[in-house]
């Protein structure tokens, strides 16, 4: 395998970028990082890295992989010893299911509770459909923890791609001061306590760019 390069957007705002970045960092897989601030004068350069013109993108030599979940799947295949998916077949199937649901769903939550690691907006973002998304996420988390999470604090016990997929949701729940059940609150704390998450937050706070539509 060639040297990996991950192209990401702003750490403060880019929820999709966080997912593969966190997975790589937590797994200890070496990679180079290129950060291209969203909507900046440098943004046109993204097409030289990502065929979709979006972040994140992973470059492995001449190979480009774009979309967060596709990148995570590629890493799982490339580094099987890291067990980025649960080893148990049933748990792995459910982990893929909940990851896909995050990937394609929860549009009301994502639209109205945008990621912002630097701010707190208690009471905001409660548009139609948002509470239903919050309730469904908590249901998923409770189910995964009860069925597969006995050997660790994460959805399937040990950290997996599923946790990387939901990591940006944990930031949103903190930013918008969402009240959670005990299982979900403990899970948010476990994800937030990861050294890699703390590193991401520190970098997000150090960024200078401000994107007005995410500052509400």
N, C-alpha and C. Protein backbone atom coordinates (compact mmCIF):
# COMPACT_ATOMS: atom_id res chain seq x y z
N UNK A 1 0.84 -1.20 0.00
CA UNK A 1 0.00 0.00 0.00
C UNK A 1 0.88 1.24 0.00
N UNK A 2 0.45 2.26 -0.78
CA UNK A 2 1.14 3.53 -0.80
C UNK A 2 0.82 4.32 0.46
N UNK A 3 1.49 5.45 0.60
CA UNK A 3 1.21 6.34 1.72
C UNK A 3 -0.18 6.94 1.55
N UNK A 4 -0.98 6.89 2.60
CA UNK A 4 -2.35 7.40 2.54
C UNK A 4 -2.39 8.90 2.77
N UNK A 5 -3.27 9.57 2.04
CA UNK A 5 -3.52 10.99 2.24
C UNK A 5 -5.02 11.20 2.35
N UNK A 6 -5.45 11.84 3.43
CA UNK A 6 -6.87 12.13 3.64
C UNK A 6 -7.09 13.62 3.43
N UNK A 7 -8.01 13.94 2.54
CA UNK A 7 -8.36 15.33 2.27
C UNK A 7 -9.65 15.63 3.01
N UNK A 8 -9.63 16.66 3.84
CA UNK A 8 -10.77 17.00 4.69
C UNK A 8 -11.11 18.48 4.56
N UNK A 9 -12.27 18.86 5.11
CA UNK A 9 -12.66 20.25 5.20
C UNK A 9 -12.33 20.80 6.59
N UNK A 10 -13.00 21.89 6.95
CA UNK A 10 -12.79 22.49 8.27
C UNK A 10 -13.13 21.50 9.37
N UNK A 11 -12.28 21.42 10.36
CA UNK A 11 -12.56 20.51 11.46
C UNK A 11 -13.74 21.01 12.30
N UNK A 12 -13.98 22.31 12.31
CA UNK A 12 -15.09 22.81 13.10
C UNK A 12 -16.45 22.44 12.50
N UNK A 13 -16.51 22.35 11.18
CA UNK A 13 -17.81 22.20 10.53
C UNK A 13 -18.02 20.90 9.76
N UNK A 14 -16.97 20.25 9.32
CA UNK A 14 -17.12 19.15 8.36
C UNK A 14 -17.33 17.81 9.06
N UNK A 15 -18.59 17.48 9.27
CA UNK A 15 -18.92 16.24 9.96
C UNK A 15 -18.48 15.01 9.16
N UNK A 16 -18.63 15.07 7.85
CA UNK A 16 -18.25 13.91 7.04
C UNK A 16 -16.74 13.69 7.09
N UNK A 17 -15.97 14.76 7.20
CA UNK A 17 -14.51 14.61 7.28
C UNK A 17 -14.08 13.94 8.58
N UNK A 18 -14.81 14.23 9.66
CA UNK A 18 -14.46 13.66 10.96
C UNK A 18 -14.46 12.14 10.93
N UNK A 19 -15.39 11.55 10.22
CA UNK A 19 -15.59 10.10 10.30
C UNK A 19 -14.33 9.30 9.93
N UNK A 20 -13.80 9.41 8.71
CA UNK A 20 -12.60 8.64 8.39
C UNK A 20 -11.36 9.13 9.13
N UNK A 21 -11.30 10.42 9.42
CA UNK A 21 -10.16 10.96 10.17
C UNK A 21 -10.09 10.30 11.55
N UNK A 22 -11.22 10.24 12.24
CA UNK A 22 -11.25 9.63 13.57
C UNK A 22 -10.89 8.16 13.50
N UNK A 23 -11.40 7.47 12.49
CA UNK A 23 -11.11 6.04 12.35
C UNK A 23 -9.61 5.82 12.15
N UNK A 24 -9.00 6.59 11.28
CA UNK A 24 -7.56 6.45 11.03
C UNK A 24 -6.76 6.77 12.29
N UNK A 25 -7.10 7.87 12.94
CA UNK A 25 -6.36 8.29 14.13
C UNK A 25 -6.49 7.27 15.25
N UNK A 26 -7.72 6.85 15.53
CA UNK A 26 -7.92 5.92 16.64
C UNK A 26 -7.26 4.58 16.38
N UNK A 27 -7.27 4.15 15.12
CA UNK A 27 -6.66 2.86 14.77
C UNK A 27 -5.14 2.94 14.68
N UNK A 28 -4.60 4.14 14.70
CA UNK A 28 -3.15 4.29 14.60
C UNK A 28 -2.61 4.01 13.21
N UNK A 29 -3.42 4.24 12.19
CA UNK A 29 -2.99 4.03 10.81
C UNK A 29 -2.35 5.33 10.31
N UNK A 30 -1.10 5.28 9.87
CA UNK A 30 -0.43 6.52 9.44
C UNK A 30 -1.08 7.11 8.19
N UNK A 31 -1.19 8.43 8.16
CA UNK A 31 -1.72 9.09 6.98
C UNK A 31 -1.29 10.56 6.98
N UNK A 32 -1.25 11.13 5.78
CA UNK A 32 -1.05 12.55 5.64
C UNK A 32 -2.41 13.24 5.57
N UNK A 33 -2.46 14.48 5.97
CA UNK A 33 -3.71 15.22 6.01
C UNK A 33 -3.60 16.49 5.18
N UNK A 34 -4.57 16.71 4.32
CA UNK A 34 -4.69 17.96 3.59
C UNK A 34 -6.04 18.57 3.95
N UNK A 35 -6.01 19.76 4.50
CA UNK A 35 -7.24 20.45 4.90
C UNK A 35 -7.53 21.56 3.91
N UNK A 36 -8.72 21.52 3.30
CA UNK A 36 -9.14 22.56 2.37
C UNK A 36 -10.39 23.21 2.95
N UNK A 37 -10.31 24.43 3.45
CA UNK A 37 -11.47 25.05 4.08
C UNK A 37 -12.65 25.16 3.12
N UNK A 38 -13.83 24.83 3.62
CA UNK A 38 -15.04 24.88 2.82
C UNK A 38 -15.31 26.30 2.33
N UNK A 39 -15.77 26.43 1.09
CA UNK A 39 -16.17 27.71 0.50
C UNK A 39 -15.04 28.73 0.45
N UNK A 40 -13.80 28.29 0.55
CA UNK A 40 -12.67 29.21 0.52
C UNK A 40 -12.13 29.35 -0.91
N UNK A 41 -11.17 30.25 -1.07
CA UNK A 41 -10.55 30.45 -2.39
C UNK A 41 -9.77 29.22 -2.83
N UNK A 42 -9.43 28.35 -1.89
CA UNK A 42 -8.69 27.13 -2.21
C UNK A 42 -9.61 25.97 -2.62
N UNK A 43 -10.93 26.19 -2.52
CA UNK A 43 -11.84 25.07 -2.67
C UNK A 43 -11.78 24.43 -4.05
N UNK A 44 -11.49 25.20 -5.08
CA UNK A 44 -11.44 24.65 -6.43
C UNK A 44 -10.41 23.53 -6.57
N UNK A 45 -9.42 23.52 -5.70
CA UNK A 45 -8.38 22.49 -5.77
C UNK A 45 -8.89 21.12 -5.36
N UNK A 46 -10.10 21.05 -4.77
CA UNK A 46 -10.61 19.76 -4.32
C UNK A 46 -10.75 18.78 -5.48
N UNK A 47 -11.03 19.27 -6.68
CA UNK A 47 -11.22 18.38 -7.83
C UNK A 47 -9.95 17.65 -8.22
N UNK A 48 -8.82 18.15 -7.79
CA UNK A 48 -7.57 17.44 -8.07
C UNK A 48 -7.38 16.25 -7.14
N UNK A 49 -8.19 16.16 -6.10
CA UNK A 49 -8.11 15.06 -5.14
C UNK A 49 -9.35 14.16 -5.17
N UNK A 50 -10.52 14.77 -5.34
CA UNK A 50 -11.78 14.06 -5.17
C UNK A 50 -12.63 14.17 -6.43
N UNK A 51 -12.94 13.07 -7.08
CA UNK A 51 -13.78 13.12 -8.29
C UNK A 51 -15.16 13.73 -8.05
N UNK A 52 -15.67 13.62 -6.83
CA UNK A 52 -16.99 14.16 -6.52
C UNK A 52 -16.96 15.66 -6.26
N UNK A 53 -15.77 16.20 -6.07
CA UNK A 53 -15.65 17.61 -5.70
C UNK A 53 -16.06 17.89 -4.28
N UNK A 54 -16.05 16.86 -3.44
CA UNK A 54 -16.45 17.00 -2.05
C UNK A 54 -15.41 16.35 -1.14
N UNK A 55 -15.44 16.73 0.12
CA UNK A 55 -14.62 16.08 1.14
C UNK A 55 -15.54 15.18 1.97
N UNK A 56 -14.94 14.14 2.56
CA UNK A 56 -13.53 13.75 2.50
C UNK A 56 -13.23 12.93 1.26
N UNK A 57 -11.94 12.82 0.99
CA UNK A 57 -11.44 11.90 -0.03
C UNK A 57 -10.15 11.29 0.50
N UNK A 58 -9.93 10.05 0.16
CA UNK A 58 -8.71 9.35 0.54
C UNK A 58 -7.93 9.03 -0.72
N UNK A 59 -6.64 9.35 -0.72
CA UNK A 59 -5.78 8.98 -1.84
C UNK A 59 -4.80 7.92 -1.36
N UNK A 60 -4.76 6.84 -2.11
CA UNK A 60 -3.80 5.76 -1.89
C UNK A 60 -3.04 5.61 -3.19
N UNK A 61 -1.94 6.33 -3.29
CA UNK A 61 -1.24 6.40 -4.57
C UNK A 61 -2.12 7.12 -5.58
N UNK A 62 -2.33 6.50 -6.72
CA UNK A 62 -3.18 7.08 -7.76
C UNK A 62 -4.66 6.80 -7.54
N UNK A 63 -4.98 5.96 -6.57
CA UNK A 63 -6.36 5.59 -6.31
C UNK A 63 -7.03 6.64 -5.44
N UNK A 64 -8.21 7.11 -5.87
CA UNK A 64 -9.01 8.03 -5.08
C UNK A 64 -10.25 7.31 -4.57
N UNK A 65 -10.52 7.44 -3.29
CA UNK A 65 -11.75 6.90 -2.70
C UNK A 65 -12.47 8.08 -2.06
N UNK A 66 -13.72 8.28 -2.42
CA UNK A 66 -14.47 9.40 -1.87
C UNK A 66 -15.73 8.87 -1.20
N UNK A 67 -16.29 9.69 -0.34
CA UNK A 67 -17.44 9.36 0.51
C UNK A 67 -16.95 8.67 1.78
N UNK A 68 -17.41 9.17 2.92
CA UNK A 68 -16.92 8.69 4.22
C UNK A 68 -17.05 7.19 4.41
N UNK A 69 -18.23 6.65 4.11
CA UNK A 69 -18.44 5.22 4.37
C UNK A 69 -17.60 4.37 3.43
N UNK A 70 -17.46 4.79 2.17
CA UNK A 70 -16.61 4.06 1.23
C UNK A 70 -15.16 4.06 1.69
N UNK A 71 -14.70 5.19 2.22
CA UNK A 71 -13.34 5.27 2.75
C UNK A 71 -13.17 4.31 3.92
N UNK A 72 -14.14 4.31 4.82
CA UNK A 72 -14.06 3.42 5.98
C UNK A 72 -14.05 1.95 5.56
N UNK A 73 -14.86 1.61 4.58
CA UNK A 73 -14.87 0.23 4.07
C UNK A 73 -13.52 -0.12 3.45
N UNK A 74 -12.94 0.79 2.71
CA UNK A 74 -11.63 0.55 2.10
C UNK A 74 -10.57 0.32 3.18
N UNK A 75 -10.63 1.11 4.23
CA UNK A 75 -9.66 0.93 5.32
C UNK A 75 -9.85 -0.41 6.02
N UNK A 76 -11.11 -0.82 6.19
CA UNK A 76 -11.37 -2.12 6.83
C UNK A 76 -10.78 -3.26 6.00
N UNK A 77 -10.90 -3.17 4.68
CA UNK A 77 -10.34 -4.20 3.81
C UNK A 77 -8.82 -4.13 3.75
N UNK A 78 -8.28 -2.93 3.82
CA UNK A 78 -6.83 -2.75 3.69
C UNK A 78 -6.09 -3.10 4.97
N UNK A 79 -6.76 -2.97 6.11
CA UNK A 79 -6.13 -3.22 7.41
C UNK A 79 -6.99 -4.20 8.21
N UNK A 80 -7.12 -5.42 7.76
CA UNK A 80 -8.03 -6.37 8.43
C UNK A 80 -7.63 -6.66 9.87
N UNK A 81 -6.35 -6.56 10.20
CA UNK A 81 -5.91 -6.85 11.56
C UNK A 81 -6.40 -5.81 12.56
N UNK A 82 -6.84 -4.65 12.09
CA UNK A 82 -7.31 -3.60 12.99
C UNK A 82 -8.77 -3.82 13.42
N UNK A 83 -9.46 -4.77 12.79
CA UNK A 83 -10.84 -5.11 13.16
C UNK A 83 -11.71 -3.85 13.23
N UNK A 84 -11.76 -3.14 12.12
CA UNK A 84 -12.53 -1.90 12.07
C UNK A 84 -14.04 -2.15 12.04
N UNK A 85 -14.46 -3.34 11.63
CA UNK A 85 -15.82 -3.82 11.83
C UNK A 85 -15.80 -4.87 12.93
N UNK A 86 -16.90 -5.10 13.64
CA UNK A 86 -16.94 -6.17 14.64
C UNK A 86 -16.60 -7.52 14.01
N UNK A 87 -15.93 -8.38 14.77
CA UNK A 87 -15.53 -9.69 14.25
C UNK A 87 -16.71 -10.66 14.17
N UNK A 88 -17.69 -10.51 15.04
CA UNK A 88 -18.87 -11.38 15.02
C UNK A 88 -19.76 -11.04 13.83
N UNK A 89 -20.19 -12.05 13.10
CA UNK A 89 -20.97 -11.85 11.88
C UNK A 89 -22.25 -11.08 12.12
N UNK A 90 -23.01 -11.47 13.16
CA UNK A 90 -24.27 -10.78 13.44
C UNK A 90 -24.03 -9.32 13.82
N UNK A 91 -23.05 -9.11 14.69
CA UNK A 91 -22.72 -7.74 15.11
C UNK A 91 -22.26 -6.91 13.91
N UNK A 92 -21.48 -7.53 13.04
CA UNK A 92 -20.98 -6.82 11.86
C UNK A 92 -22.14 -6.41 10.94
N UNK A 93 -23.11 -7.30 10.78
CA UNK A 93 -24.27 -6.98 9.94
C UNK A 93 -25.05 -5.80 10.51
N UNK A 94 -25.25 -5.80 11.82
CA UNK A 94 -25.97 -4.70 12.45
C UNK A 94 -25.14 -3.42 12.39
N UNK A 95 -23.83 -3.53 12.58
CA UNK A 95 -22.96 -2.36 12.51
C UNK A 95 -23.02 -1.72 11.13
N UNK A 96 -23.04 -2.54 10.10
CA UNK A 96 -23.18 -2.00 8.75
C UNK A 96 -24.56 -1.36 8.55
N UNK A 97 -25.56 -1.96 9.12
CA UNK A 97 -26.92 -1.43 8.98
C UNK A 97 -27.04 -0.06 9.64
N UNK A 98 -26.56 0.07 10.88
CA UNK A 98 -26.70 1.35 11.56
C UNK A 98 -25.80 2.41 10.91
N UNK A 99 -24.67 1.99 10.37
CA UNK A 99 -23.80 2.94 9.67
C UNK A 99 -24.47 3.44 8.39
N UNK A 100 -25.10 2.53 7.66
CA UNK A 100 -25.80 2.92 6.44
C UNK A 100 -26.98 3.83 6.75
N UNK A 101 -27.67 3.56 7.87
CA UNK A 101 -28.79 4.41 8.24
C UNK A 101 -28.32 5.82 8.57
N UNK A 102 -27.18 5.93 9.22
CA UNK A 102 -26.60 7.25 9.49
C UNK A 102 -26.21 7.93 8.18
N UNK A 103 -25.65 7.15 7.28
CA UNK A 103 -25.16 7.68 6.02
C UNK A 103 -26.29 8.27 5.18
N UNK A 104 -27.44 7.64 5.19
CA UNK A 104 -28.52 8.04 4.28
C UNK A 104 -29.68 8.75 4.97
N UNK A 105 -29.69 8.75 6.29
CA UNK A 105 -30.85 9.26 7.01
C UNK A 105 -30.57 10.43 7.91
N UNK A 106 -31.53 10.70 8.79
CA UNK A 106 -31.44 11.75 9.80
C UNK A 106 -31.21 13.13 9.18
N UNK A 107 -31.90 13.37 8.07
CA UNK A 107 -31.69 14.63 7.33
C UNK A 107 -32.19 15.84 8.11
N UNK A 108 -33.25 15.69 8.88
CA UNK A 108 -33.75 16.82 9.66
C UNK A 108 -32.74 17.22 10.73
N UNK A 109 -32.16 16.24 11.38
CA UNK A 109 -31.14 16.52 12.39
C UNK A 109 -29.94 17.20 11.75
N UNK A 110 -29.46 16.64 10.65
CA UNK A 110 -28.26 17.18 10.01
C UNK A 110 -28.48 18.59 9.49
N UNK A 111 -29.68 18.85 8.98
CA UNK A 111 -29.98 20.18 8.42
C UNK A 111 -30.10 21.24 9.50
N UNK A 112 -30.73 20.89 10.62
CA UNK A 112 -31.08 21.88 11.63
C UNK A 112 -30.12 21.93 12.81
N UNK A 113 -29.30 20.89 12.97
CA UNK A 113 -28.28 20.88 14.01
C UNK A 113 -26.93 20.63 13.35
N UNK A 114 -26.44 21.65 12.67
CA UNK A 114 -25.18 21.51 11.95
C UNK A 114 -24.02 21.40 12.94
N UNK A 115 -22.94 20.79 12.49
CA UNK A 115 -21.80 20.57 13.38
C UNK A 115 -21.04 21.89 13.58
N UNK A 116 -20.78 22.19 14.83
CA UNK A 116 -19.98 23.35 15.20
C UNK A 116 -19.34 23.03 16.55
N UNK A 117 -18.05 22.70 16.51
CA UNK A 117 -17.35 22.26 17.72
C UNK A 117 -17.01 23.41 18.66
N UNK A 118 -17.12 24.63 18.18
CA UNK A 118 -16.69 25.78 18.98
C UNK A 118 -17.83 26.44 19.75
N UNK A 119 -19.07 26.12 19.40
CA UNK A 119 -20.20 26.86 19.94
C UNK A 119 -21.17 25.95 20.69
N UNK A 120 -22.03 26.58 21.47
CA UNK A 120 -23.14 25.90 22.14
C UNK A 120 -24.40 26.68 21.84
N UNK A 121 -25.43 25.98 21.35
CA UNK A 121 -26.70 26.61 20.99
C UNK A 121 -27.85 25.90 21.71
N UNK A 122 -27.93 26.01 23.03
CA UNK A 122 -28.98 25.29 23.76
C UNK A 122 -30.36 25.75 23.33
N UNK A 123 -31.24 24.78 23.11
CA UNK A 123 -32.61 25.08 22.76
C UNK A 123 -32.86 25.35 21.30
N UNK A 124 -31.82 25.48 20.49
CA UNK A 124 -32.01 25.76 19.07
C UNK A 124 -32.02 24.46 18.27
N UNK A 125 -32.37 24.58 17.01
CA UNK A 125 -32.35 23.44 16.10
C UNK A 125 -33.51 22.49 16.21
N UNK A 126 -34.54 22.85 16.99
CA UNK A 126 -35.67 21.93 17.23
C UNK A 126 -36.75 22.08 16.16
N UNK A 127 -36.38 21.94 14.92
CA UNK A 127 -37.35 22.01 13.83
C UNK A 127 -38.12 20.71 13.71
N UNK A 128 -39.12 20.72 12.85
CA UNK A 128 -39.94 19.53 12.64
C UNK A 128 -39.09 18.35 12.20
N UNK A 129 -39.31 17.22 12.82
CA UNK A 129 -38.59 16.01 12.46
C UNK A 129 -37.32 15.77 13.24
N UNK A 130 -36.78 16.79 13.88
CA UNK A 130 -35.49 16.65 14.57
C UNK A 130 -35.62 15.72 15.77
N UNK A 131 -36.66 15.91 16.58
CA UNK A 131 -36.80 15.06 17.76
C UNK A 131 -37.00 13.60 17.36
N UNK A 132 -37.71 13.38 16.26
CA UNK A 132 -37.87 12.00 15.78
C UNK A 132 -36.53 11.39 15.42
N UNK A 133 -35.66 12.17 14.80
CA UNK A 133 -34.31 11.68 14.49
C UNK A 133 -33.53 11.39 15.77
N UNK A 134 -33.62 12.29 16.75
CA UNK A 134 -32.93 12.09 18.03
C UNK A 134 -33.42 10.81 18.70
N UNK A 135 -34.72 10.62 18.69
CA UNK A 135 -35.29 9.42 19.33
C UNK A 135 -34.83 8.15 18.62
N UNK A 136 -34.79 8.18 17.31
CA UNK A 136 -34.36 6.99 16.56
C UNK A 136 -32.88 6.69 16.83
N UNK A 137 -32.06 7.71 16.89
CA UNK A 137 -30.64 7.50 17.17
C UNK A 137 -30.46 6.88 18.56
N UNK A 138 -31.18 7.40 19.54
CA UNK A 138 -31.08 6.83 20.88
C UNK A 138 -31.55 5.37 20.90
N UNK A 139 -32.59 5.09 20.14
CA UNK A 139 -33.08 3.71 20.05
C UNK A 139 -31.99 2.80 19.47
N UNK A 140 -31.35 3.26 18.41
CA UNK A 140 -30.26 2.49 17.81
C UNK A 140 -29.13 2.27 18.81
N UNK A 141 -28.72 3.32 19.46
CA UNK A 141 -27.61 3.22 20.40
C UNK A 141 -27.94 2.27 21.56
N UNK A 142 -29.13 2.38 22.09
CA UNK A 142 -29.53 1.49 23.18
C UNK A 142 -29.55 0.04 22.74
N UNK A 143 -30.07 -0.21 21.54
CA UNK A 143 -30.13 -1.57 21.03
C UNK A 143 -28.74 -2.16 20.82
N UNK A 144 -27.86 -1.40 20.20
CA UNK A 144 -26.49 -1.89 19.96
C UNK A 144 -25.75 -2.14 21.26
N UNK A 145 -25.87 -1.22 22.19
CA UNK A 145 -25.18 -1.38 23.47
C UNK A 145 -25.71 -2.61 24.22
N UNK A 146 -27.02 -2.80 24.20
CA UNK A 146 -27.61 -3.93 24.93
C UNK A 146 -27.24 -5.27 24.30
N UNK A 147 -27.23 -5.35 22.99
CA UNK A 147 -27.01 -6.62 22.30
C UNK A 147 -25.53 -6.95 22.09
N UNK A 148 -24.71 -5.91 21.85
CA UNK A 148 -23.35 -6.19 21.41
C UNK A 148 -22.28 -5.41 22.18
N UNK A 149 -22.66 -4.59 23.13
CA UNK A 149 -21.70 -3.67 23.72
C UNK A 149 -21.16 -4.04 25.08
N UNK A 150 -21.18 -5.33 25.42
CA UNK A 150 -20.79 -5.73 26.77
C UNK A 150 -19.29 -5.62 27.04
N UNK A 151 -18.49 -5.63 25.99
CA UNK A 151 -17.03 -5.70 26.18
C UNK A 151 -16.33 -4.36 26.00
N UNK A 152 -17.06 -3.30 26.12
CA UNK A 152 -16.46 -1.98 25.98
C UNK A 152 -17.52 -0.90 25.98
N UNK A 153 -17.14 0.37 25.91
CA UNK A 153 -18.09 1.47 26.05
C UNK A 153 -18.73 1.91 24.74
N UNK A 154 -18.38 1.25 23.63
CA UNK A 154 -18.86 1.72 22.34
C UNK A 154 -20.03 0.88 21.85
N UNK A 155 -20.56 1.20 20.69
CA UNK A 155 -21.79 0.57 20.23
C UNK A 155 -21.69 -0.95 20.17
N UNK A 156 -20.52 -1.44 19.76
CA UNK A 156 -20.30 -2.88 19.65
C UNK A 156 -19.16 -3.32 20.57
N UNK A 157 -19.06 -2.63 21.69
CA UNK A 157 -18.02 -2.93 22.66
C UNK A 157 -16.75 -2.18 22.33
N UNK A 158 -15.99 -2.69 21.38
CA UNK A 158 -14.78 -2.03 20.93
C UNK A 158 -15.12 -1.02 19.83
N UNK A 159 -14.30 0.00 19.72
CA UNK A 159 -14.52 1.04 18.73
C UNK A 159 -14.53 0.44 17.32
N UNK A 160 -15.47 0.90 16.50
CA UNK A 160 -15.61 0.38 15.14
C UNK A 160 -16.03 1.50 14.19
N UNK A 161 -16.18 1.16 12.93
CA UNK A 161 -16.64 2.13 11.94
C UNK A 161 -17.98 2.73 12.35
N UNK A 162 -18.84 1.93 12.97
CA UNK A 162 -20.14 2.45 13.40
C UNK A 162 -19.97 3.64 14.33
N UNK A 163 -19.00 3.58 15.23
CA UNK A 163 -18.75 4.70 16.14
C UNK A 163 -18.22 5.91 15.40
N UNK A 164 -17.36 5.67 14.42
CA UNK A 164 -16.86 6.78 13.60
C UNK A 164 -18.01 7.46 12.86
N UNK A 165 -18.97 6.68 12.40
CA UNK A 165 -20.10 7.24 11.67
C UNK A 165 -20.98 8.11 12.56
N UNK A 166 -21.09 7.75 13.84
CA UNK A 166 -21.96 8.51 14.74
C UNK A 166 -21.20 9.55 15.56
N UNK A 167 -19.90 9.62 15.42
CA UNK A 167 -19.13 10.60 16.20
C UNK A 167 -19.60 12.03 15.98
N UNK A 168 -19.89 12.46 14.73
CA UNK A 168 -20.39 13.83 14.56
C UNK A 168 -21.72 14.08 15.25
N UNK A 169 -22.53 13.05 15.40
CA UNK A 169 -23.81 13.21 16.11
C UNK A 169 -23.54 13.54 17.57
N UNK A 170 -22.52 12.92 18.15
CA UNK A 170 -22.21 13.24 19.55
C UNK A 170 -21.83 14.70 19.70
N UNK A 171 -21.14 15.26 18.71
CA UNK A 171 -20.79 16.69 18.79
C UNK A 171 -22.04 17.55 18.70
N UNK A 172 -22.97 17.17 17.85
CA UNK A 172 -24.22 17.93 17.71
C UNK A 172 -25.03 17.89 19.01
N UNK A 173 -25.10 16.74 19.63
CA UNK A 173 -25.86 16.63 20.86
C UNK A 173 -25.28 17.52 21.96
N UNK A 174 -23.97 17.69 21.94
CA UNK A 174 -23.35 18.59 22.91
C UNK A 174 -23.60 20.05 22.53
N UNK A 175 -23.39 20.38 21.27
CA UNK A 175 -23.56 21.76 20.81
C UNK A 175 -24.97 22.27 21.07
N UNK A 176 -25.97 21.41 20.84
CA UNK A 176 -27.37 21.83 20.97
C UNK A 176 -27.99 21.39 22.30
N UNK A 177 -27.14 20.91 23.21
CA UNK A 177 -27.58 20.59 24.58
C UNK A 177 -28.79 19.67 24.57
N UNK A 178 -28.68 18.59 23.81
CA UNK A 178 -29.79 17.63 23.70
C UNK A 178 -29.83 16.74 24.94
N UNK A 179 -30.99 16.63 25.53
CA UNK A 179 -31.16 15.78 26.70
C UNK A 179 -31.30 14.32 26.26
N UNK A 180 -30.46 13.45 26.81
CA UNK A 180 -30.38 12.06 26.37
C UNK A 180 -30.69 11.11 27.52
N UNK A 181 -31.09 9.90 27.16
CA UNK A 181 -31.23 8.86 28.19
C UNK A 181 -29.85 8.46 28.70
N UNK A 182 -29.82 7.70 29.78
CA UNK A 182 -28.55 7.41 30.44
C UNK A 182 -27.57 6.65 29.55
N UNK A 183 -28.07 5.67 28.80
CA UNK A 183 -27.20 4.89 27.93
C UNK A 183 -26.60 5.77 26.85
N UNK A 184 -27.42 6.60 26.23
CA UNK A 184 -26.94 7.48 25.16
C UNK A 184 -25.97 8.52 25.70
N UNK A 185 -26.26 9.07 26.87
CA UNK A 185 -25.37 10.07 27.46
C UNK A 185 -24.00 9.47 27.77
N UNK A 186 -23.99 8.25 28.29
CA UNK A 186 -22.72 7.58 28.58
C UNK A 186 -21.94 7.30 27.30
N UNK A 187 -22.66 6.95 26.25
CA UNK A 187 -22.00 6.69 24.97
C UNK A 187 -21.38 7.97 24.41
N UNK A 188 -22.10 9.07 24.48
CA UNK A 188 -21.54 10.35 24.03
C UNK A 188 -20.27 10.67 24.80
N UNK A 189 -20.27 10.46 26.09
CA UNK A 189 -19.08 10.72 26.90
C UNK A 189 -17.91 9.84 26.48
N UNK A 190 -18.19 8.57 26.15
CA UNK A 190 -17.12 7.65 25.74
C UNK A 190 -16.48 8.10 24.44
N UNK A 191 -17.29 8.53 23.50
CA UNK A 191 -16.75 9.00 22.22
C UNK A 191 -15.98 10.30 22.42
N UNK A 192 -16.54 11.20 23.19
CA UNK A 192 -15.87 12.48 23.42
C UNK A 192 -14.54 12.33 24.16
N UNK A 193 -14.41 11.29 24.96
CA UNK A 193 -13.18 11.08 25.74
C UNK A 193 -12.03 10.51 24.92
N UNK A 194 -12.31 10.06 23.71
CA UNK A 194 -11.24 9.51 22.88
C UNK A 194 -10.15 10.55 22.64
N UNK A 195 -8.88 10.20 22.80
CA UNK A 195 -7.80 11.16 22.53
C UNK A 195 -7.89 11.76 21.13
N UNK A 196 -8.28 10.96 20.15
CA UNK A 196 -8.40 11.47 18.79
C UNK A 196 -9.50 12.52 18.69
N UNK A 197 -10.59 12.34 19.41
CA UNK A 197 -11.66 13.34 19.40
C UNK A 197 -11.18 14.64 20.06
N UNK A 198 -10.44 14.50 21.14
CA UNK A 198 -9.91 15.69 21.79
C UNK A 198 -8.94 16.43 20.88
N UNK A 199 -8.16 15.69 20.11
CA UNK A 199 -7.26 16.31 19.14
C UNK A 199 -8.04 17.06 18.06
N UNK A 200 -9.12 16.45 17.58
CA UNK A 200 -9.95 17.10 16.57
C UNK A 200 -10.55 18.40 17.11
N UNK A 201 -11.09 18.35 18.33
CA UNK A 201 -11.68 19.53 18.94
C UNK A 201 -10.65 20.65 19.10
N UNK A 202 -9.45 20.31 19.55
CA UNK A 202 -8.41 21.33 19.73
C UNK A 202 -8.09 22.01 18.41
N UNK A 203 -8.00 21.23 17.35
CA UNK A 203 -7.72 21.81 16.03
C UNK A 203 -8.90 22.65 15.54
N UNK A 204 -10.12 22.18 15.81
CA UNK A 204 -11.31 22.94 15.40
C UNK A 204 -11.35 24.30 16.07
N UNK A 205 -11.02 24.33 17.35
CA UNK A 205 -11.05 25.59 18.08
C UNK A 205 -9.97 26.55 17.60
N UNK A 206 -8.89 26.01 17.05
CA UNK A 206 -7.78 26.84 16.58
C UNK A 206 -8.02 27.40 15.18
N UNK A 207 -9.01 26.88 14.47
CA UNK A 207 -9.28 27.36 13.11
C UNK A 207 -9.81 28.80 13.15
N UNK A 208 -9.50 29.55 12.11
CA UNK A 208 -9.91 30.95 12.04
C UNK A 208 -11.13 31.19 11.15
N UNK A 209 -11.44 30.22 10.26
CA UNK A 209 -12.53 30.44 9.32
C UNK A 209 -13.89 30.44 10.05
N UNK A 210 -14.78 31.29 9.56
CA UNK A 210 -16.15 31.34 10.07
C UNK A 210 -17.10 31.20 8.89
N UNK A 211 -17.99 30.23 8.95
CA UNK A 211 -19.01 30.03 7.92
C UNK A 211 -20.35 30.38 8.54
N UNK A 212 -20.90 31.51 8.10
CA UNK A 212 -22.03 32.12 8.78
C UNK A 212 -23.24 31.20 8.91
N UNK A 213 -23.51 30.39 7.86
CA UNK A 213 -24.74 29.57 7.94
C UNK A 213 -24.65 28.47 9.00
N UNK A 214 -23.45 28.22 9.51
CA UNK A 214 -23.29 27.22 10.56
C UNK A 214 -23.14 27.87 11.94
N UNK A 215 -23.29 29.18 11.99
CA UNK A 215 -23.12 29.91 13.25
C UNK A 215 -24.48 30.41 13.73
N UNK A 216 -25.34 29.46 14.12
CA UNK A 216 -26.69 29.86 14.55
C UNK A 216 -27.15 28.96 15.69
